[in-house]
PDB file of N, CA and C in Angstrom:
ATOM      1  N   MET A   1     -14.237 -12.496  11.546  1.00  0.00           N
ATOM      2  CA  MET A   1     -13.243 -11.785  10.748  1.00  0.00           C
ATOM      3  C   MET A   1     -13.653 -11.857   9.272  1.00  0.00           C
ATOM      4  N   ALA A   2     -13.633 -10.719   8.612  1.00  0.00           N
ATOM      5  CA  ALA A   2     -14.033 -10.650   7.202  1.00  0.00           C
ATOM      6  C   ALA A   2     -12.943 -11.238   6.307  1.00  0.00           C
ATOM      7  N   ALA A   3     -13.386 -11.822   5.219  1.00  0.00           N
ATOM      8  CA  ALA A   3     -12.438 -12.382   4.249  1.00  0.00           C
ATOM      9  C   ALA A   3     -11.693 -11.250   3.551  1.00  0.00           C
ATOM     10  N   SER A   4     -10.478 -11.523   3.173  1.00  0.00           N
ATOM     11  CA  SER A   4      -9.670 -10.544   2.451  1.00  0.00           C
ATOM     12  C   SER A   4     -10.267 -10.286   1.078  1.00  0.00           C
ATOM     13  N   PRO A   5     -10.279  -9.022   0.652  1.00  0.00           N
ATOM     14  CA  PRO A   5     -10.806  -8.742  -0.686  1.00  0.00           C
ATOM     15  C   PRO A   5      -9.968  -9.401  -1.779  1.00  0.00           C
ATOM     16  N   SER A   6     -10.621  -9.694  -2.865  1.00  0.00           N
ATOM     17  CA  SER A   6      -9.957 -10.279  -4.028  1.00  0.00           C
ATOM     18  C   SER A   6      -9.051  -9.238  -4.683  1.00  0.00           C
ATOM     19  N   ILE A   7      -8.008  -9.713  -5.344  1.00  0.00           N
ATOM     20  CA  ILE A   7      -7.124  -8.803  -6.069  1.00  0.00           C
ATOM     21  C   ILE A   7      -7.834  -8.146  -7.239  1.00  0.00           C
ATOM     22  N   SER A   8      -8.992  -8.663  -7.615  1.00  0.00           N
ATOM     23  CA  SER A   8      -9.727  -8.078  -8.738  1.00  0.00           C
ATOM     24  C   SER A   8     -10.160  -6.645  -8.442  1.00  0.00           C
ATOM     25  N   GLY A   9     -10.213  -6.286  -7.175  1.00  0.00           N
ATOM     26  CA  GLY A   9     -10.602  -4.935  -6.814  1.00  0.00           C
ATOM     27  C   GLY A   9      -9.461  -3.944  -6.777  1.00  0.00           C
ATOM     28  N   LEU A  10      -8.240  -4.401  -7.005  1.00  0.00           N
ATOM     29  CA  LEU A  10      -7.090  -3.501  -6.947  1.00  0.00           C
ATOM     30  C   LEU A  10      -6.984  -2.665  -8.212  1.00  0.00           C
ATOM     31  N   GLN A  11      -6.843  -1.382  -8.005  1.00  0.00           N
ATOM     32  CA  GLN A  11      -6.665  -0.486  -9.135  1.00  0.00           C
ATOM     33  C   GLN A  11      -5.274  -0.709  -9.728  1.00  0.00           C
ATOM     34  N   GLY A  12      -5.178  -0.685 -11.027  1.00  0.00           N
ATOM     35  CA  GLY A  12      -3.887  -0.829 -11.685  1.00  0.00           C
ATOM     36  C   GLY A  12      -3.538  -2.255 -12.070  1.00  0.00           C
ATOM     37  N   LEU A  13      -4.329  -3.224 -11.616  1.00  0.00           N
ATOM     38  CA  LEU A  13      -4.105  -4.618 -12.014  1.00  0.00           C
ATOM     39  C   LEU A  13      -5.230  -5.022 -12.952  1.00  0.00           C
ATOM     40  N   GLY A  14      -4.891  -5.182 -14.210  1.00  0.00           N
ATOM     41  CA  GLY A  14      -5.883  -5.589 -15.194  1.00  0.00           C
ATOM     42  C   GLY A  14      -6.182  -7.066 -15.110  1.00  0.00           C
ATOM     43  N   PRO A  15      -7.107  -7.532 -15.928  1.00  0.00           N
ATOM     44  CA  PRO A  15      -7.500  -8.946 -15.904  1.00  0.00           C
ATOM     45  C   PRO A  15      -6.340  -9.907 -16.147  1.00  0.00           C
ATOM     46  N   GLN A  16      -5.445  -9.559 -17.066  1.00  0.00           N
ATOM     47  CA  GLN A  16      -4.311 -10.461 -17.335  1.00  0.00           C
ATOM     48  C   GLN A  16      -3.391 -10.571 -16.123  1.00  0.00           C
ATOM     49  N   SER A  17      -3.102  -9.453 -15.490  1.00  0.00           N
ATOM     50  CA  SER A  17      -2.257  -9.469 -14.287  1.00  0.00           C
ATOM     51  C   SER A  17      -2.915 -10.274 -13.180  1.00  0.00           C
ATOM     52  N   GLN A  18      -4.214 -10.102 -13.028  1.00  0.00           N
ATOM     53  CA  GLN A  18      -4.943 -10.861 -12.012  1.00  0.00           C
ATOM     54  C   GLN A  18      -4.863 -12.359 -12.285  1.00  0.00           C
ATOM     55  N   GLN A  19      -5.005 -12.754 -13.548  1.00  0.00           N
ATOM     56  CA  GLN A  19      -4.920 -14.169 -13.912  1.00  0.00           C
ATOM     57  C   GLN A  19      -3.518 -14.716 -13.654  1.00  0.00           C
ATOM     58  N   MET A  20      -2.504 -13.940 -13.975  1.00  0.00           N
ATOM     59  CA  MET A  20      -1.126 -14.385 -13.749  1.00  0.00           C
ATOM     60  C   MET A  20      -0.859 -14.580 -12.260  1.00  0.00           C
ATOM     61  N   LEU A  21      -1.334 -13.654 -11.445  1.00  0.00           N
ATOM     62  CA  LEU A  21      -1.166 -13.798  -9.998  1.00  0.00           C
ATOM     63  C   LEU A  21      -1.952 -15.003  -9.485  1.00  0.00           C
ATOM     64  N   ALA A  22      -3.159 -15.190  -9.989  1.00  0.00           N
ATOM     65  CA  ALA A  22      -3.975 -16.336  -9.561  1.00  0.00           C
ATOM     66  C   ALA A  22      -3.291 -17.657  -9.908  1.00  0.00           C
ATOM     67  N   ARG A  23      -2.664 -17.742 -11.094  1.00  0.00           N
ATOM     68  CA  ARG A  23      -1.933 -18.966 -11.468  1.00  0.00           C
ATOM     69  C   ARG A  23      -0.768 -19.225 -10.515  1.00  0.00           C
ATOM     70  N   ALA A  24      -0.269 -18.159  -9.903  1.00  0.00           N
ATOM     71  CA  ALA A  24       0.816 -18.296  -8.926  1.00  0.00           C
ATOM     72  C   ALA A  24       0.272 -18.521  -7.514  1.00  0.00           C
ATOM     73  N   GLY A  25      -1.063 -18.602  -7.390  1.00  0.00           N
ATOM     74  CA  GLY A  25      -1.670 -18.874  -6.087  1.00  0.00           C
ATOM     75  C   GLY A  25      -1.976 -17.635  -5.266  1.00  0.00           C
ATOM     76  N   ILE A  26      -1.920 -16.482  -5.884  1.00  0.00           N
ATOM     77  CA  ILE A  26      -2.162 -15.221  -5.174  1.00  0.00           C
ATOM     78  C   ILE A  26      -3.507 -14.679  -5.642  1.00  0.00           C
ATOM     79  N   THR A  27      -4.500 -14.750  -4.756  1.00  0.00           N
ATOM     80  CA  THR A  27      -5.849 -14.351  -5.158  1.00  0.00           C
ATOM     81  C   THR A  27      -6.462 -13.274  -4.277  1.00  0.00           C
ATOM     82  N   THR A  28      -5.850 -12.995  -3.136  1.00  0.00           N
ATOM     83  CA  THR A  28      -6.418 -11.978  -2.241  1.00  0.00           C
ATOM     84  C   THR A  28      -5.410 -10.864  -1.983  1.00  0.00           C
ATOM     85  N   VAL A  29      -5.948  -9.737  -1.569  1.00  0.00           N
ATOM     86  CA  VAL A  29      -5.113  -8.590  -1.234  1.00  0.00           C
ATOM     87  C   VAL A  29      -4.185  -8.936  -0.073  1.00  0.00           C
ATOM     88  N   ASP A  30      -4.691  -9.650   0.923  1.00  0.00           N
ATOM     89  CA  ASP A  30      -3.854 -10.028   2.068  1.00  0.00           C
ATOM     90  C   ASP A  30      -2.669 -10.893   1.650  1.00  0.00           C
ATOM     91  N   GLU A  31      -2.906 -11.849   0.744  1.00  0.00           N
ATOM     92  CA  GLU A  31      -1.798 -12.695   0.259  1.00  0.00           C
ATOM     93  C   GLU A  31      -0.749 -11.841  -0.440  1.00  0.00           C
ATOM     94  N   LEU A  32      -1.205 -10.930  -1.273  1.00  0.00           N
ATOM     95  CA  LEU A  32      -0.284 -10.065  -2.007  1.00  0.00           C
ATOM     96  C   LEU A  32       0.519  -9.192  -1.057  1.00  0.00           C
ATOM     97  N   ARG A  33      -0.130  -8.620  -0.072  1.00  0.00           N
ATOM     98  CA  ARG A  33       0.582  -7.781   0.908  1.00  0.00           C
ATOM     99  C   ARG A  33       1.559  -8.597   1.741  1.00  0.00           C
ATOM    100  N   ARG A  34       1.124  -9.804   2.109  1.00  0.00           N
ATOM    101  CA  ARG A  34       1.969 -10.648   2.972  1.00  0.00           C
ATOM    102  C   ARG A  34       3.280 -11.025   2.277  1.00  0.00           C
ATOM    103  N   ILE A  35       3.199 -11.402   1.011  1.00  0.00           N
ATOM    104  CA  ILE A  35       4.427 -11.833   0.345  1.00  0.00           C
ATOM    105  C   ILE A  35       5.187 -10.696  -0.312  1.00  0.00           C
ATOM    106  N   GLY A  36       4.502  -9.604  -0.610  1.00  0.00           N
ATOM    107  CA  GLY A  36       5.163  -8.443  -1.194  1.00  0.00           C
ATOM    108  C   GLY A  36       5.246  -8.506  -2.713  1.00  0.00           C
ATOM    109  N   SER A  37       5.493  -7.357  -3.291  1.00  0.00           N
ATOM    110  CA  SER A  37       5.460  -7.244  -4.756  1.00  0.00           C
ATOM    111  C   SER A  37       6.586  -8.014  -5.439  1.00  0.00           C
ATOM    112  N   VAL A  38       7.762  -8.027  -4.847  1.00  0.00           N
ATOM    113  CA  VAL A  38       8.898  -8.710  -5.475  1.00  0.00           C
ATOM    114  C   VAL A  38       8.653 -10.217  -5.521  1.00  0.00           C
ATOM    115  N   ALA A  39       8.272 -10.796  -4.389  1.00  0.00           N
ATOM    116  CA  ALA A  39       8.016 -12.237  -4.354  1.00  0.00           C
ATOM    117  C   ALA A  39       6.828 -12.592  -5.247  1.00  0.00           C
ATOM    118  N   ALA A  40       5.785 -11.760  -5.239  1.00  0.00           N
ATOM    119  CA  ALA A  40       4.610 -12.013  -6.087  1.00  0.00           C
ATOM    120  C   ALA A  40       5.014 -12.008  -7.557  1.00  0.00           C
ATOM    121  N   TYR A  41       5.825 -11.048  -7.960  1.00  0.00           N
ATOM    122  CA  TYR A  41       6.302 -10.985  -9.344  1.00  0.00           C
ATOM    123  C   TYR A  41       7.099 -12.242  -9.692  1.00  0.00           C
ATOM    124  N   CYS A  42       8.005 -12.647  -8.826  1.00  0.00           N
ATOM    125  CA  CYS A  42       8.844 -13.827  -9.104  1.00  0.00           C
ATOM    126  C   CYS A  42       8.000 -15.099  -9.183  1.00  0.00           C
ATOM    127  N   LEU A  43       7.040 -15.251  -8.287  1.00  0.00           N
ATOM    128  CA  LEU A  43       6.163 -16.422  -8.327  1.00  0.00           C
ATOM    129  C   LEU A  43       5.315 -16.414  -9.599  1.00  0.00           C
ATOM    130  N   ALA A  44       4.797 -15.259  -9.958  1.00  0.00           N
ATOM    131  CA  ALA A  44       3.994 -15.159 -11.181  1.00  0.00           C
ATOM    132  C   ALA A  44       4.846 -15.443 -12.412  1.00  0.00           C
ATOM    133  N   LYS A  45       6.086 -14.995 -12.386  1.00  0.00           N
ATOM    134  CA  LYS A  45       6.997 -15.225 -13.513  1.00  0.00           C
ATOM    135  C   LYS A  45       7.264 -16.718 -13.702  1.00  0.00           C
ATOM    136  N   ARG A  46       7.378 -17.441 -12.605  1.00  0.00           N
ATOM    137  CA  ARG A  46       7.586 -18.886 -12.686  1.00  0.00           C
ATOM    138  C   ARG A  46       6.357 -19.605 -13.226  1.00  0.00           C
ATOM    139  N   ALA A  47       5.171 -19.099 -12.882  1.00  0.00           N
ATOM    140  CA  ALA A  47       3.924 -19.766 -13.250  1.00  0.00           C
ATOM    141  C   ALA A  47       3.385 -19.350 -14.620  1.00  0.00           C
ATOM    142  N   ASN A  48       3.943 -18.301 -15.191  1.00  0.00           N
ATOM    143  CA  ASN A  48       3.437 -17.746 -16.445  1.00  0.00           C
ATOM    144  C   ASN A  48       4.593 -17.370 -17.359  1.00  0.00           C
ATOM    145  N   ALA A  49       4.537 -17.811 -18.575  1.00  0.00           N
ATOM    146  CA  ALA A  49       5.634 -17.550 -19.513  1.00  0.00           C
ATOM    147  C   ALA A  49       5.726 -16.088 -19.941  1.00  0.00           C
ATOM    148  N   LYS A  50       4.630 -15.356 -19.899  1.00  0.00           N
ATOM    149  CA  LYS A  50       4.628 -14.013 -20.480  1.00  0.00           C
ATOM    150  C   LYS A  50       4.548 -12.885 -19.462  1.00  0.00           C
ATOM    151  N   VAL A  51       5.031 -13.092 -18.263  1.00  0.00           N
ATOM    152  CA  VAL A  51       4.999 -12.022 -17.261  1.00  0.00           C
ATOM    153  C   VAL A  51       6.011 -10.950 -17.648  1.00  0.00           C
ATOM    154  N   SER A  52       5.552  -9.713 -17.600  1.00  0.00           N
ATOM    155  CA  SER A  52       6.457  -8.597 -17.889  1.00  0.00           C
ATOM    156  C   SER A  52       6.702  -7.801 -16.614  1.00  0.00           C
ATOM    157  N   LEU A  53       7.638  -6.883 -16.699  1.00  0.00           N
ATOM    158  CA  LEU A  53       7.931  -6.035 -15.552  1.00  0.00           C
ATOM    159  C   LEU A  53       6.752  -5.145 -15.167  1.00  0.00           C
ATOM    160  N   ASN A  54       5.788  -4.982 -16.054  1.00  0.00           N
ATOM    161  CA  ASN A  54       4.608  -4.194 -15.706  1.00  0.00           C
ATOM    162  C   ASN A  54       3.898  -4.753 -14.479  1.00  0.00           C
ATOM    163  N   LEU A  55       3.944  -6.069 -14.294  1.00  0.00           N
ATOM    164  CA  LEU A  55       3.336  -6.666 -13.113  1.00  0.00           C
ATOM    165  C   LEU A  55       4.079  -6.221 -11.856  1.00  0.00           C
ATOM    166  N   LEU A  56       5.388  -6.133 -11.936  1.00  0.00           N
ATOM    167  CA  LEU A  56       6.182  -5.682 -10.793  1.00  0.00           C
ATOM    168  C   LEU A  56       5.862  -4.241 -10.449  1.00  0.00           C
ATOM    169  N   TRP A  57       5.638  -3.434 -11.457  1.00  0.00           N
ATOM    170  CA  TRP A  57       5.337  -2.011 -11.212  1.00  0.00           C
ATOM    171  C   TRP A  57       3.959  -1.850 -10.574  1.00  0.00           C
ATOM    172  N   GLY A  58       3.085  -2.826 -10.733  1.00  0.00           N
ATOM    173  CA  GLY A  58       1.787  -2.822 -10.077  1.00  0.00           C
ATOM    174  C   GLY A  58       0.872  -1.680 -10.443  1.00  0.00           C
ATOM    175  N   GLY A  59       0.863  -1.305 -11.691  1.00  0.00           N
ATOM    176  CA  GLY A  59      -0.047  -0.265 -12.130  1.00  0.00           C
ATOM    177  C   GLY A  59       0.494   1.147 -12.020  1.00  0.00           C
ATOM    178  N   GLU A  60       1.665   1.288 -11.437  1.00  0.00           N
ATOM    179  CA  GLU A  60       2.283   2.614 -11.367  1.00  0.00           C
ATOM    180  C   GLU A  60       2.842   2.971 -12.741  1.00  0.00           C
ATOM    181  N   PRO A  61       2.771   4.232 -13.128  1.00  0.00           N
ATOM    182  CA  PRO A  61       3.345   4.627 -14.423  1.00  0.00           C
ATOM    183  C   PRO A  61       4.835   4.301 -14.476  1.00  0.00           C
ATOM    184  N   TRP A  62       5.271   3.673 -15.560  1.00  0.00           N
ATOM    185  CA  TRP A  62       6.668   3.235 -15.643  1.00  0.00           C
ATOM    186  C   TRP A  62       7.629   4.413 -15.537  1.00  0.00           C
ATOM    187  N   GLN A  63       7.212   5.607 -15.973  1.00  0.00           N
ATOM    188  CA  GLN A  63       8.101   6.772 -15.873  1.00  0.00           C
ATOM    189  C   GLN A  63       8.385   7.099 -14.410  1.00  0.00           C
ATOM    190  N   GLN A  64       7.358   7.009 -13.585  1.00  0.00           N
ATOM    191  CA  GLN A  64       7.537   7.271 -12.157  1.00  0.00           C
ATOM    192  C   GLN A  64       8.407   6.190 -11.524  1.00  0.00           C
ATOM    193  N   ILE A  65       8.153   4.944 -11.881  1.00  0.00           N
ATOM    194  CA  ILE A  65       8.957   3.836 -11.356  1.00  0.00           C
ATOM    195  C   ILE A  65      10.414   4.010 -11.772  1.00  0.00           C
ATOM    196  N   ALA A  66      10.647   4.377 -13.033  1.00  0.00           N
ATOM    197  CA  ALA A  66      12.010   4.548 -13.526  1.00  0.00           C
ATOM    198  C   ALA A  66      12.759   5.586 -12.704  1.00  0.00           C
ATOM    199  N   ARG A  67      12.078   6.654 -12.349  1.00  0.00           N
ATOM    200  CA  ARG A  67      12.733   7.717 -11.582  1.00  0.00           C
ATOM    201  C   ARG A  67      12.962   7.324 -10.134  1.00  0.00           C
ATOM    202  N   LEU A  68      12.015   6.613  -9.548  1.00  0.00           N
ATOM    203  CA  LEU A  68      12.040   6.422  -8.102  1.00  0.00           C
ATOM    204  C   LEU A  68      12.468   5.043  -7.622  1.00  0.00           C
ATOM    205  N   HIS A  69      12.024   3.987  -8.312  1.00  0.00           N
ATOM    206  CA  HIS A  69      12.174   2.654  -7.715  1.00  0.00           C
ATOM    207  C   HIS A  69      12.735   1.573  -8.625  1.00  0.00           C
ATOM    208  N   ARG A  70      12.904   1.828  -9.894  1.00  0.00           N
ATOM    209  CA  ARG A  70      13.234   0.765 -10.844  1.00  0.00           C
ATOM    210  C   ARG A  70      14.467  -0.038 -10.420  1.00  0.00           C
ATOM    211  N   THR A  71      15.551   0.641 -10.156  1.00  0.00           N
ATOM    212  CA  THR A  71      16.795  -0.058  -9.828  1.00  0.00           C
ATOM    213  C   THR A  71      16.653  -0.887  -8.564  1.00  0.00           C
ATOM    214  N   SER A  72      16.062  -0.317  -7.528  1.00  0.00           N
ATOM    215  CA  SER A  72      15.936  -1.069  -6.274  1.00  0.00           C
ATOM    216  C   SER A  72      15.005  -2.271  -6.442  1.00  0.00           C
ATOM    217  N   LEU A  73      13.939  -2.130  -7.224  1.00  0.00           N
ATOM    218  CA  LEU A  73      13.052  -3.269  -7.458  1.00  0.00           C
ATOM    219  C   LEU A  73      13.751  -4.372  -8.249  1.00  0.00           C
ATOM    220  N   LEU A  74      14.487  -3.999  -9.273  1.00  0.00           N
ATOM    221  CA  LEU A  74      15.192  -5.011 -10.072  1.00  0.00           C
ATOM    222  C   LEU A  74      16.274  -5.708  -9.252  1.00  0.00           C
ATOM    223  N   LEU A  75      16.972  -4.972  -8.408  1.00  0.00           N
ATOM    224  CA  LEU A  75      17.964  -5.588  -7.522  1.00  0.00           C
ATOM    225  C   LEU A  75      17.290  -6.530  -6.527  1.00  0.00           C
ATOM    226  N   ALA A  76      16.127  -6.142  -6.032  1.00  0.00           N
ATOM    227  CA  ALA A  76      15.388  -6.999  -5.101  1.00  0.00           C
ATOM    228  C   ALA A  76      14.934  -8.285  -5.791  1.00  0.00           C
ATOM    229  N   VAL A  77      14.520  -8.201  -7.047  1.00  0.00           N
ATOM    230  CA  VAL A  77      14.132  -9.393  -7.807  1.00  0.00           C
ATOM    231  C   VAL A  77      15.340 -10.308  -7.967  1.00  0.00           C
ATOM    232  N   ASP A  78      16.477  -9.752  -8.351  1.00  0.00           N
ATOM    233  CA  ASP A  78      17.688 -10.557  -8.494  1.00  0.00           C
ATOM    234  C   ASP A  78      18.043 -11.263  -7.185  1.00  0.00           C
ATOM    235  N   GLU A  79      17.978 -10.531  -6.102  1.00  0.00           N
ATOM    236  CA  GLU A  79      18.310 -11.092  -4.777  1.00  0.00           C
ATOM    237  C   GLU A  79      17.317 -12.202  -4.405  1.00  0.00           C
ATOM    238  N   TYR A  80      16.051 -11.969  -4.624  1.00  0.00           N
ATOM    239  CA  TYR A  80      15.026 -12.976  -4.309  1.00  0.00           C
ATOM    240  C   TYR A  80      15.274 -14.253  -5.113  1.00  0.00           C
ATOM    241  N   GLU A  81      15.519 -14.099  -6.406  1.00  0.00           N
ATOM    242  CA  GLU A  81      15.724 -15.276  -7.259  1.00  0.00           C
ATOM    243  C   GLU A  81      17.003 -16.004  -6.910  1.00  0.00           C
ATOM    244  N   LYS A  82      18.017 -15.286  -6.465  1.00  0.00           N
ATOM    245  CA  LYS A  82      19.269 -15.919  -6.059  1.00  0.00           C
ATOM    246  C   LYS A  82      19.100 -16.771  -4.804  1.00  0.00           C
ATOM    247  N   ASN A  83      18.282 -16.285  -3.886  1.00  0.00           N
ATOM    248  CA  ASN A  83      18.111 -16.949  -2.601  1.00  0.00           C
ATOM    249  C   ASN A  83      16.960 -17.939  -2.568  1.00  0.00           C
ATOM    250  N   ASP A  84      16.240 -18.065  -3.646  1.00  0.00           N
ATOM    251  CA  ASP A  84      15.085 -18.947  -3.665  1.00  0.00           C
ATOM    252  C   ASP A  84      15.447 -20.333  -4.135  1.00  0.00           C
TER     253      ASP A  84
END
C-alpha cells in the first residue's frame, strides 16, 4: 500500500497553512480527509496562535465560501468546539 501524499501537494494550502497543520499533527492528505476540515481547523487553532479562517476555507475564494458555505462551516466549528 502506497503512503498517503503529503499535504504539501495540496493546491490552495500555502507553506504557512501546511506548517500550522503539521504543528497540529496533520501531515498527510489521508489524515486531513479522515478528520475533516472543521476538526483540522480546530486542532490547528489550538496548536497555533495565528490561525485564521482562511485555513478553514482551504484555499477556496472567500467570496465563494461566503455565498455557499460560510455559515454552515462556522456553525460546525462552534459545535465541534462545544463537544470537544
